Amino acid sequence: MSLLEAAESSPRDVALVEEATDRQWTYAALRDEVARRARQITGRRRLVFVFCANRAESVFAYLAALETESAVCLLDAAASQEMKAALVAHYEPAFVFEPDVPDAADRAAAGTPLHPDLTLLLPTSGTTGSPKLVRLSTRNLLSNARSIATYLDITSAERAITTLPMHYSYGLSVVNSHLLTGASLVLTEHSVLRPEFWKAAAAHRITSMAGVPYVYTLLARLNGERFFPGSLRTVTQAGGRLAPDLVDRFRRAMETRDGRLFVMYGQTEATARIAYVPPERLADKIGAVGIAIPGGRLCVVDGEREHTAPGVAGEVVYEGPNVMMGYACERGDLEHGDELGGRLHTGDLGRFDADGYLFLTGRTKRFAKIFGLRVNLDEIEAAVHGVGPVAAVSDDEKIVVWCENVGGARLEGIRTELSARFRLNVNVIEVRSVEKLPRMGSGKTDYARLQERV
């Protein structure tokens, strides 16, 4: 069953609004557009690439691929031509859709046969800089969309606005969960820093918006709550740790308008969502990523043992029907079936509190070993978040902390503070100023690019 087949929608209800053109499509019109593009995909079980922008044509192409039972890979339309060509050559898709191109490019590629359960391919962490992709099934996609719609209470009366790229799992989860429930989407390519974004949000009476920590950090700098339209009732946050003071700030801002802030946790490998904090518990659970989404289960693993008891630290493991089939690094991997059996080792470290709420404490790979001392780079960042956006990397000889637009004297102060707090020799810490931290299309910090500059 495809996403549109499963959708609980009325033909006359508005499905999409495109801010750039001020056009609207009802669910009946959406199905017509999808059917037209589906006719361009000849044959069954083909690999389709969609280079996405937050436009109606990208949504049409994505849904058309699902309707034809093809496997669809969503990638960033803003990627360089060299990167696009390399990915196409690497995976040999049969059809390629791009914005502003009226017809799909038919490459008549054969390649390795696709596994019958393979439905969706997404780049890890929202970047197309690597050929590594997450392999997802229809079951993964629909189960996660239903779960999200359940705990967010998404009904046909809801209207979301796009704040995240469609090829990023968080952004796609907004699309999937709203279309599944017959709700509507306002498609815009403007960022929250642009007045055009807020003009569209107000004009189309949006009820919800999503953001990664960087979005809320930017909004806080601008006192962005003043831009929220009166219709806005739900804001969601995922994609990394949001500073506790900002969680509390936006929680209060939403409560004053009888609205809700959902803090959530997820990974592309889980099709998007893993856990969430119910808004009514957020005030006393700031810093937590919450409880498992409906249909999922969480535990921490210390060695060979699973734990759900409070205070026990270990790697976070999630089980649920939304866990990916596995990774793909080349075309031949697309014929493989489910390699994880619904169980995902997240690579995150965490512990539960007495109420069963999960708190993350770091990443298994986000550690530096400096002269025999193991240092959590996430804790380094958390210690200096008050100065603005920061990022810490290491080459195992020194730790480099990058801060956006911080002056020389303050940089030295941060260095001294970190040395004392983490009991590190001041000579193994460097604090550097950068005009703007490099970010991926998802808004997450691009640590790989920072690592190259160490």
Protein backbone atom coordinates (compact mmCIF):
# COMPACT_ATOMS: atom_id res chain seq x y z
CA MET A 1 0.00 0.00 0.00
CA SER A 2 1.41 3.39 -1.01
CA LEU A 3 1.28 6.58 1.06
CA LEU A 4 -1.57 8.04 -1.02
CA GLU A 5 -3.51 4.79 -0.91
CA ALA A 6 -3.26 4.81 2.88
CA ALA A 7 -4.11 8.51 3.20
CA GLU A 8 -7.30 9.36 5.12
CA SER A 9 -8.19 12.33 2.94
CA SER A 10 -11.19 13.99 1.34
CA PRO A 11 -10.85 14.76 -2.40
CA ARG A 12 -11.85 18.41 -1.90
CA ASP A 13 -9.52 19.12 1.01
CA VAL A 14 -6.37 21.14 0.25
CA ALA A 15 -3.27 18.94 0.21
CA LEU A 16 -0.53 21.36 -0.93
CA VAL A 17 -0.01 25.10 -1.06
CA GLU A 18 3.04 26.36 -2.95
CA GLU A 19 4.14 29.69 -1.52
CA ALA A 20 6.30 30.68 -4.51
CA THR A 21 3.45 30.42 -7.03
CA ASP A 22 0.47 30.79 -4.66
CA ARG A 23 -1.02 27.63 -6.21
CA GLN A 24 -3.07 25.06 -4.33
CA TRP A 25 -3.85 21.41 -4.97
CA THR A 26 -6.69 19.47 -3.43
CA TYR A 27 -6.20 15.79 -2.74
CA ALA A 28 -8.07 15.02 -5.96
CA ALA A 29 -5.76 17.32 -7.94
CA LEU A 30 -2.73 15.88 -6.16
CA ARG A 31 -3.70 12.37 -7.21
CA ASP A 32 -4.09 13.55 -10.81
CA GLU A 33 -0.62 15.14 -10.83
CA VAL A 34 0.93 12.05 -9.26
CA ALA A 35 -0.77 9.78 -11.82
CA ARG A 36 0.58 11.92 -14.67
CA ARG A 37 4.15 11.60 -13.43
CA ALA A 38 3.72 7.94 -12.62
CA ARG A 39 3.06 7.32 -16.30
CA GLN A 40 6.60 8.54 -17.01
CA ILE A 41 8.03 5.71 -14.91
CA THR A 42 7.72 2.75 -17.25
CA GLY A 43 7.97 -0.74 -15.83
CA ARG A 44 7.83 -1.82 -12.19
CA ARG A 45 10.39 -1.98 -9.42
CA ARG A 46 12.68 0.63 -10.93
CA LEU A 47 15.16 2.83 -9.07
CA VAL A 48 14.07 6.48 -9.21
CA PHE A 49 16.16 9.46 -8.13
CA VAL A 50 14.34 12.64 -7.09
CA PHE A 51 16.53 15.68 -6.56
CA CYS A 52 14.26 17.57 -4.18
CA ALA A 53 13.39 21.14 -3.45
CA ASN A 54 10.50 22.20 -1.23
CA ARG A 55 8.22 22.50 -4.24
CA ALA A 56 5.09 20.73 -5.40
CA GLU A 57 6.86 19.06 -8.34
CA SER A 58 9.24 17.25 -5.95
CA VAL A 59 6.29 15.99 -3.89
CA PHE A 60 4.57 14.81 -7.08
CA ALA A 61 7.67 12.90 -8.23
CA TYR A 62 8.21 11.29 -4.82
CA LEU A 63 4.61 10.11 -4.57
CA ALA A 64 4.62 8.93 -8.19
CA ALA A 65 7.60 6.68 -7.50
CA LEU A 66 5.76 5.21 -4.50
CA GLU A 67 2.63 4.65 -6.60
CA THR A 68 4.56 2.62 -9.19
CA GLU A 69 6.14 0.44 -6.48
CA SER A 70 9.54 1.78 -7.44
CA ALA A 71 12.36 2.41 -4.99
CA VAL A 72 12.83 6.17 -4.67
CA CYS A 73 15.97 7.94 -3.51
CA LEU A 74 15.51 11.54 -2.30
CA LEU A 75 18.52 13.82 -2.70
CA ASP A 76 19.31 17.51 -2.49
CA ALA A 77 18.50 19.49 -5.64
CA ALA A 78 21.04 22.11 -4.50
CA ALA A 79 23.94 19.63 -4.68
CA SER A 80 26.64 20.36 -7.22
CA GLN A 81 26.35 18.89 -10.72
CA GLU A 82 29.52 16.90 -10.07
CA MET A 83 28.03 15.36 -6.94
CA LYS A 84 24.74 14.57 -8.70
CA ALA A 85 26.56 12.93 -11.60
CA ALA A 86 28.71 10.86 -9.24
CA LEU A 87 25.65 9.54 -7.36
CA VAL A 88 23.79 8.74 -10.57
CA ALA A 89 26.83 6.87 -11.91
CA HIS A 90 27.24 5.04 -8.60
CA TYR A 91 23.67 3.76 -8.24
CA GLU A 92 22.46 3.66 -11.86
CA PRO A 93 18.85 4.87 -11.42
CA ALA A 94 16.42 4.17 -14.24
CA PHE A 95 14.72 7.57 -13.90
CA VAL A 96 15.83 10.96 -12.56
CA PHE A 97 13.48 13.81 -11.61
CA GLU A 98 14.85 17.32 -11.09
CA PRO A 99 13.16 20.66 -10.38
CA ASP A 100 12.24 22.72 -13.44
CA VAL A 101 12.63 19.68 -15.70
CA PRO A 102 9.15 18.76 -17.02
CA ASP A 103 9.89 15.09 -17.71
CA ALA A 104 11.94 12.49 -15.91
CA ALA A 105 15.26 11.58 -17.47
CA ASP A 106 14.87 7.96 -18.61
CA ARG A 107 18.26 6.31 -18.35
CA ALA A 108 16.95 2.82 -19.18
CA ALA A 109 19.36 1.41 -16.61
CA ALA A 110 19.12 -2.23 -15.62
CA GLY A 111 21.56 -2.71 -12.77
CA THR A 112 21.19 -5.07 -9.82
CA PRO A 113 17.56 -6.11 -9.13
CA LEU A 114 15.88 -4.33 -6.23
CA HIS A 115 14.72 -6.19 -3.15
CA PRO A 116 10.90 -6.45 -3.20
CA ASP A 117 10.59 -4.64 0.17
CA LEU A 118 12.83 -1.70 -0.76
CA THR A 119 10.78 1.50 -1.08
CA LEU A 120 12.81 4.50 0.02
CA LEU A 121 16.47 5.52 0.13
CA LEU A 122 17.63 8.50 2.17
CA PRO A 123 21.09 9.95 2.68
CA THR A 124 22.39 9.67 6.22
CA SER A 125 22.09 12.87 8.28
CA GLY A 126 20.60 14.76 5.35
CA THR A 127 23.85 15.05 3.38
CA THR A 128 24.53 13.90 -0.17
CA GLY A 129 28.29 14.15 0.27
CA SER A 130 28.56 10.38 0.63
CA PRO A 131 27.07 7.51 -1.40
CA LYS A 132 25.97 5.85 1.87
CA LEU A 133 22.17 5.56 1.98
CA VAL A 134 19.58 4.23 4.42
CA ARG A 135 17.35 1.48 2.97
CA LEU A 136 13.69 1.72 4.04
CA SER A 137 10.56 -0.30 3.34
CA THR A 138 6.91 0.69 2.94
CA ARG A 139 6.33 -0.77 6.42
CA ASN A 140 9.04 1.49 7.82
CA LEU A 141 7.57 4.56 6.14
CA LEU A 142 3.91 4.00 7.02
CA SER A 143 4.46 2.81 10.59
CA ASN A 144 6.55 5.85 11.44
CA ALA A 145 4.14 8.27 9.77
CA ARG A 146 1.20 6.74 11.69
CA SER A 147 3.11 6.85 14.98
CA ILE A 148 4.06 10.51 14.49
CA ALA A 149 0.51 11.44 13.53
CA THR A 150 -0.74 9.68 16.68
CA TYR A 151 1.42 11.38 19.30
CA LEU A 152 1.30 14.79 17.58
CA ASP A 153 -2.47 14.40 17.14
CA ILE A 154 -2.31 15.38 13.46
CA THR A 155 -5.78 15.60 11.91
CA SER A 156 -7.08 16.82 8.57
CA ALA A 157 -7.48 20.27 10.16
CA GLU A 158 -3.70 20.69 10.54
CA ARG A 159 -1.52 22.74 8.22
CA ALA A 160 2.29 22.56 8.43
CA ILE A 161 4.90 24.71 6.73
CA THR A 162 8.19 23.35 5.41
CA THR A 163 11.19 24.53 7.41
CA LEU A 164 13.43 21.56 6.57
CA PRO A 165 14.57 19.95 3.31
CA MET A 166 12.34 17.20 1.99
CA HIS A 167 15.33 14.88 1.42
CA TYR A 168 16.16 15.06 5.15
CA SER A 169 14.29 12.42 7.17
CA TYR A 170 12.84 14.95 9.64
CA GLY A 171 11.56 17.13 6.82
CA LEU A 172 10.15 14.11 4.97
CA SER A 173 8.41 12.89 8.13
CA VAL A 174 6.42 16.14 8.18
CA VAL A 175 5.33 15.50 4.59
CA ASN A 176 4.43 11.85 5.21
CA SER A 177 2.55 12.29 8.49
CA HIS A 178 0.45 15.17 7.15
CA LEU A 179 -0.46 13.56 3.83
CA LEU A 180 -1.33 10.31 5.60
CA THR A 181 -3.93 12.07 7.74
CA GLY A 182 -5.41 14.29 5.03
CA ALA A 183 -3.81 17.44 6.47
CA SER A 184 -2.19 20.12 4.30
CA LEU A 185 1.33 21.44 3.68
CA VAL A 186 2.58 24.91 2.80
CA LEU A 187 5.69 24.46 0.65
CA THR A 188 8.29 27.22 0.88
CA GLU A 189 12.00 27.46 0.20
CA HIS A 190 12.44 30.54 2.40
CA SER A 191 14.24 30.22 5.72
CA VAL A 192 12.80 31.42 9.02
CA LEU A 193 15.10 34.45 8.71
CA ARG A 194 13.17 35.77 5.74
CA PRO A 195 10.06 37.94 6.09
CA GLU A 196 8.53 36.02 3.17
CA PHE A 197 8.46 32.90 5.34
CA TRP A 198 6.42 34.56 8.07
CA LYS A 199 4.19 36.30 5.56
CA ALA A 200 3.30 32.90 4.08
CA ALA A 201 2.89 31.38 7.55
CA ALA A 202 0.37 34.05 8.50
CA ALA A 203 -1.43 34.20 5.16
CA HIS A 204 -2.01 30.45 5.06
CA ARG A 205 -2.76 30.13 8.78
CA ILE A 206 -0.25 27.42 9.56
CA THR A 207 -0.85 25.36 12.68
CA SER A 208 2.59 23.77 13.06
CA MET A 209 6.27 24.09 12.19
CA ALA A 210 9.37 21.97 12.78
CA GLY A 211 12.98 22.88 13.44
CA VAL A 212 16.44 21.60 14.28
CA PRO A 213 18.37 23.31 17.12
CA TYR A 214 19.97 25.79 14.73
CA VAL A 215 16.52 27.07 13.69
CA TYR A 216 15.56 27.81 17.29
CA THR A 217 18.95 29.34 18.05
CA LEU A 218 18.45 31.76 15.16
CA LEU A 219 14.88 32.52 16.24
CA ALA A 220 16.03 33.23 19.80
CA ARG A 221 18.55 35.79 18.55
CA LEU A 222 15.75 37.62 16.73
CA ASN A 223 13.13 37.25 19.47
CA GLY A 224 11.45 35.18 16.79
CA GLU A 225 8.43 34.26 18.91
CA ARG A 226 6.99 37.64 17.94
CA PHE A 227 6.70 36.39 14.35
CA PHE A 228 4.57 33.35 15.25
CA PRO A 229 1.15 33.70 13.60
CA GLY A 230 -1.92 33.46 15.78
CA SER A 231 -2.87 30.15 14.17
CA LEU A 232 0.35 28.39 15.26
CA ARG A 233 -0.37 25.75 17.90
CA THR A 234 2.42 23.17 17.62
CA VAL A 235 6.18 23.47 17.20
CA THR A 236 8.48 20.46 17.15
CA GLN A 237 12.22 20.14 17.65
CA ALA A 238 14.57 17.29 16.75
CA GLY A 239 17.87 16.81 14.92
CA GLY A 240 20.14 17.29 17.93
CA ARG A 241 20.28 18.71 21.42
CA LEU A 242 18.62 22.07 22.01
CA ALA A 243 20.07 24.01 24.94
CA PRO A 244 17.85 23.68 28.04
CA ASP A 245 17.32 27.43 28.33
CA LEU A 246 15.99 27.53 24.76
CA VAL A 247 13.72 24.54 25.38
CA ASP A 248 12.25 26.38 28.35
CA ARG A 249 12.00 29.64 26.42
CA PHE A 250 10.01 28.16 23.53
CA ARG A 251 7.97 25.98 25.87
CA ARG A 252 6.82 29.11 27.68
CA ALA A 253 6.23 30.97 24.43
CA MET A 254 3.92 28.23 23.19
CA GLU A 255 2.11 27.85 26.51
CA THR A 256 1.20 31.55 26.49
CA ARG A 257 -0.74 30.94 23.27
CA ASP A 258 -2.26 27.68 24.50
CA GLY A 259 0.13 25.81 22.21
CA ARG A 260 2.61 22.95 22.49
CA LEU A 261 6.32 22.32 22.06
CA PHE A 262 7.38 18.75 21.32
CA VAL A 263 11.02 17.87 21.92
CA MET A 264 11.80 14.73 19.92
CA TYR A 265 14.63 12.35 19.14
CA GLY A 266 15.19 10.38 15.98
CA GLN A 267 17.53 9.08 13.33
CA THR A 268 17.24 8.53 9.60
CA GLU A 269 17.89 4.86 10.37
CA ALA A 270 14.53 4.81 12.20
CA THR A 271 12.74 6.51 9.27
CA ALA A 272 12.68 9.67 11.43
CA ARG A 273 11.35 9.39 15.00
CA ILE A 274 12.37 7.28 18.00
CA ALA A 275 11.19 9.20 21.09
CA TYR A 276 9.37 12.33 22.23
CA VAL A 277 8.56 14.30 25.37
CA PRO A 278 4.82 14.86 25.91
CA PRO A 279 4.34 18.64 26.23
CA GLU A 280 2.63 18.32 29.61
CA ARG A 281 5.83 16.77 31.02
CA LEU A 282 8.31 19.07 29.33
CA ALA A 283 8.64 21.59 32.17
CA ASP A 284 10.03 18.94 34.55
CA LYS A 285 11.81 16.89 31.87
CA ILE A 286 13.91 19.55 30.15
CA GLY A 287 17.05 17.84 28.85
CA ALA A 288 15.25 14.53 28.18
CA VAL A 289 14.49 13.13 24.73
CA GLY A 290 11.51 11.35 26.19
CA ILE A 291 9.68 8.07 25.86
CA ALA A 292 9.47 5.70 22.90
CA ILE A 293 7.05 6.61 20.13
CA PRO A 294 3.88 4.48 19.82
CA GLY A 295 4.86 1.00 18.63
CA GLY A 296 8.50 1.35 19.69
CA ARG A 297 10.66 0.20 22.61
CA LEU A 298 13.79 1.71 24.14
CA CYS A 299 16.55 0.28 26.33
CA VAL A 300 20.21 0.91 27.04
CA VAL A 301 22.83 -1.78 26.57
CA ASP A 302 25.89 -2.06 28.76
CA GLY A 303 28.03 -4.85 27.35
CA GLU A 304 25.67 -7.76 26.71
CA ARG A 305 22.92 -6.69 29.11
CA GLU A 306 19.81 -4.61 28.44
CA HIS A 307 18.62 -2.10 31.01
CA THR A 308 15.55 0.08 31.49
CA ALA A 309 16.20 0.76 35.18
CA PRO A 310 16.95 4.37 36.16
CA GLY A 311 20.52 5.61 36.26
CA VAL A 312 22.17 2.80 34.27
CA ALA A 313 24.23 4.22 31.40
CA GLY A 314 24.84 2.52 28.07
CA GLU A 315 24.25 2.63 24.34
CA VAL A 316 20.67 3.45 23.39
CA VAL A 317 18.95 0.63 21.48
CA TYR A 318 15.58 1.10 19.80
CA GLU A 319 13.20 -1.57 18.53
CA GLY A 320 10.24 -0.94 16.27
CA PRO A 321 8.67 -1.45 12.84
CA ASN A 322 10.27 1.78 11.59
CA VAL A 323 13.87 0.50 11.89
CA MET A 324 15.62 0.47 8.52
CA MET A 325 16.43 -2.61 6.49
CA GLY A 326 20.11 -1.62 6.49
CA TYR A 327 22.59 0.61 4.67
CA ALA A 328 23.53 0.80 1.03
CA CYS A 329 26.96 1.92 -0.13
CA GLU A 330 26.68 0.69 -3.72
CA ARG A 331 24.11 -0.50 -6.25
CA GLY A 332 24.59 -4.16 -5.31
CA ASP A 333 23.35 -3.46 -1.76
CA LEU A 334 19.87 -2.66 -3.09
CA GLU A 335 19.03 -6.35 -3.52
CA HIS A 336 19.58 -7.07 0.18
CA GLY A 337 16.66 -7.62 2.55
CA ASP A 338 16.18 -6.66 6.19
CA GLU A 339 19.51 -7.01 7.99
CA LEU A 340 18.54 -5.51 11.36
CA GLY A 341 15.31 -7.28 12.30
CA GLY A 342 13.76 -4.13 13.72
CA ARG A 343 16.57 -3.50 16.24
CA LEU A 344 18.74 -0.39 15.96
CA HIS A 345 21.92 0.32 17.88
CA THR A 346 21.76 4.11 17.73
CA GLY A 347 25.36 4.96 18.59
CA ASP A 348 24.02 7.34 21.25
CA LEU A 349 24.76 6.97 24.94
CA GLY A 350 22.02 7.52 27.49
CA ARG A 351 20.23 6.63 30.72
CA PHE A 352 16.65 6.54 32.00
CA ASP A 353 15.32 8.49 34.96
CA ALA A 354 12.91 7.14 37.56
CA ASP A 355 9.93 7.95 35.32
CA GLY A 356 11.33 6.08 32.32
CA TYR A 357 12.37 9.18 30.38
CA LEU A 358 15.52 8.86 28.31
CA PHE A 359 18.37 11.36 28.67
CA LEU A 360 21.20 11.29 26.11
CA THR A 361 24.72 11.75 27.42
CA GLY A 362 26.81 11.61 24.24
CA ARG A 363 27.79 9.62 21.18
CA THR A 364 29.85 6.45 21.15
CA LYS A 365 32.08 8.03 18.49
CA ARG A 366 31.99 11.62 19.80
CA PHE A 367 34.90 11.04 22.16
CA ALA A 368 38.48 12.28 22.09
CA LYS A 369 41.31 10.51 23.83
CA ILE A 370 43.85 13.09 24.96
CA PHE A 371 46.93 11.74 26.73
CA GLY A 372 44.94 8.75 27.91
CA LEU A 373 41.91 10.77 29.06
CA ARG A 374 38.55 10.08 27.38
CA VAL A 375 36.72 13.36 26.74
CA ASN A 376 33.10 13.65 25.60
CA LEU A 377 32.99 16.28 22.83
CA ASP A 378 29.25 16.75 23.29
CA GLU A 379 29.89 17.74 26.91
CA ILE A 380 32.54 20.21 25.73
CA GLU A 381 29.96 21.86 23.46
CA ALA A 382 27.30 21.90 26.18
CA ALA A 383 29.72 23.65 28.55
CA VAL A 384 30.10 26.65 26.23
CA HIS A 385 26.70 26.81 24.48
CA GLY A 386 25.93 30.16 26.11
CA VAL A 387 28.23 32.01 23.70
CA GLY A 388 26.17 30.94 20.68
CA PRO A 389 26.59 28.13 18.15
CA VAL A 390 29.66 26.01 18.91
CA ALA A 391 31.22 22.80 17.62
CA ALA A 392 34.02 20.66 19.03
CA VAL A 393 36.27 18.27 17.09
CA SER A 394 39.52 16.48 17.87
CA ASP A 395 42.49 14.89 16.18
CA ASP A 396 43.36 12.94 19.36
CA GLU A 397 46.22 15.33 20.07
CA LYS A 398 44.13 18.40 20.74
CA ILE A 399 40.52 19.53 20.99
CA VAL A 400 39.41 22.37 18.75
CA VAL A 401 36.29 24.31 19.70
CA TRP A 402 34.78 26.52 17.01
CA CYS A 403 32.59 29.46 18.12
CA GLU A 404 30.56 31.72 15.84
CA ASN A 405 31.69 35.36 15.96
CA VAL A 406 33.42 35.38 19.35
CA GLY A 407 36.22 37.88 20.05
CA GLY A 408 39.81 37.08 21.01
CA ALA A 409 39.63 37.82 24.73
CA ARG A 410 36.49 35.72 25.14
CA LEU A 411 38.11 32.86 23.21
CA GLU A 412 40.96 32.75 25.71
CA GLY A 413 38.48 32.82 28.58
CA ILE A 414 36.59 29.86 27.15
CA ARG A 415 39.85 27.98 26.76
CA THR A 416 40.74 28.56 30.41
CA GLU A 417 37.26 27.59 31.60
CA LEU A 418 37.32 24.33 29.64
CA SER A 419 40.78 23.48 30.92
CA ALA A 420 39.64 23.86 34.51
CA ARG A 421 36.26 22.15 34.13
CA PHE A 422 37.54 19.07 32.30
CA ARG A 423 40.96 18.95 34.01
CA LEU A 424 42.82 19.21 30.74
CA ASN A 425 46.12 20.91 30.07
CA VAL A 426 45.31 24.26 28.51
CA ASN A 427 47.79 23.51 25.70
CA VAL A 428 45.61 20.70 24.29
CA ILE A 429 42.61 23.03 23.82
CA GLU A 430 42.21 25.49 20.97
CA VAL A 431 39.23 27.83 20.73
CA ARG A 432 38.75 29.45 17.34
CA SER A 433 36.29 31.98 15.99
CA VAL A 434 34.44 31.35 12.76
CA GLU A 435 31.98 33.63 11.02
CA LYS A 436 29.54 30.78 10.43
CA LEU A 437 29.75 27.09 11.28
CA PRO A 438 29.47 24.85 8.19
CA ARG A 439 26.10 23.12 8.07
CA MET A 440 24.50 20.34 6.08
CA GLY A 441 21.20 20.72 4.28
CA SER A 442 19.43 19.48 7.42
CA GLY A 443 20.83 22.35 9.46
CA LYS A 444 23.10 20.06 11.48
CA THR A 445 26.75 20.97 12.01
CA ASP A 446 29.02 19.54 9.30
CA TYR A 447 31.70 18.06 11.56
CA ALA A 448 33.53 16.45 8.64
CA ARG A 449 34.31 19.86 7.13
CA LEU A 450 35.49 21.20 10.49
CA GLN A 451 37.66 18.12 11.00
CA GLU A 452 39.43 18.87 7.73
CA ARG A 453 40.47 22.25 9.13
CA VAL A 454 42.02 20.94 12.35
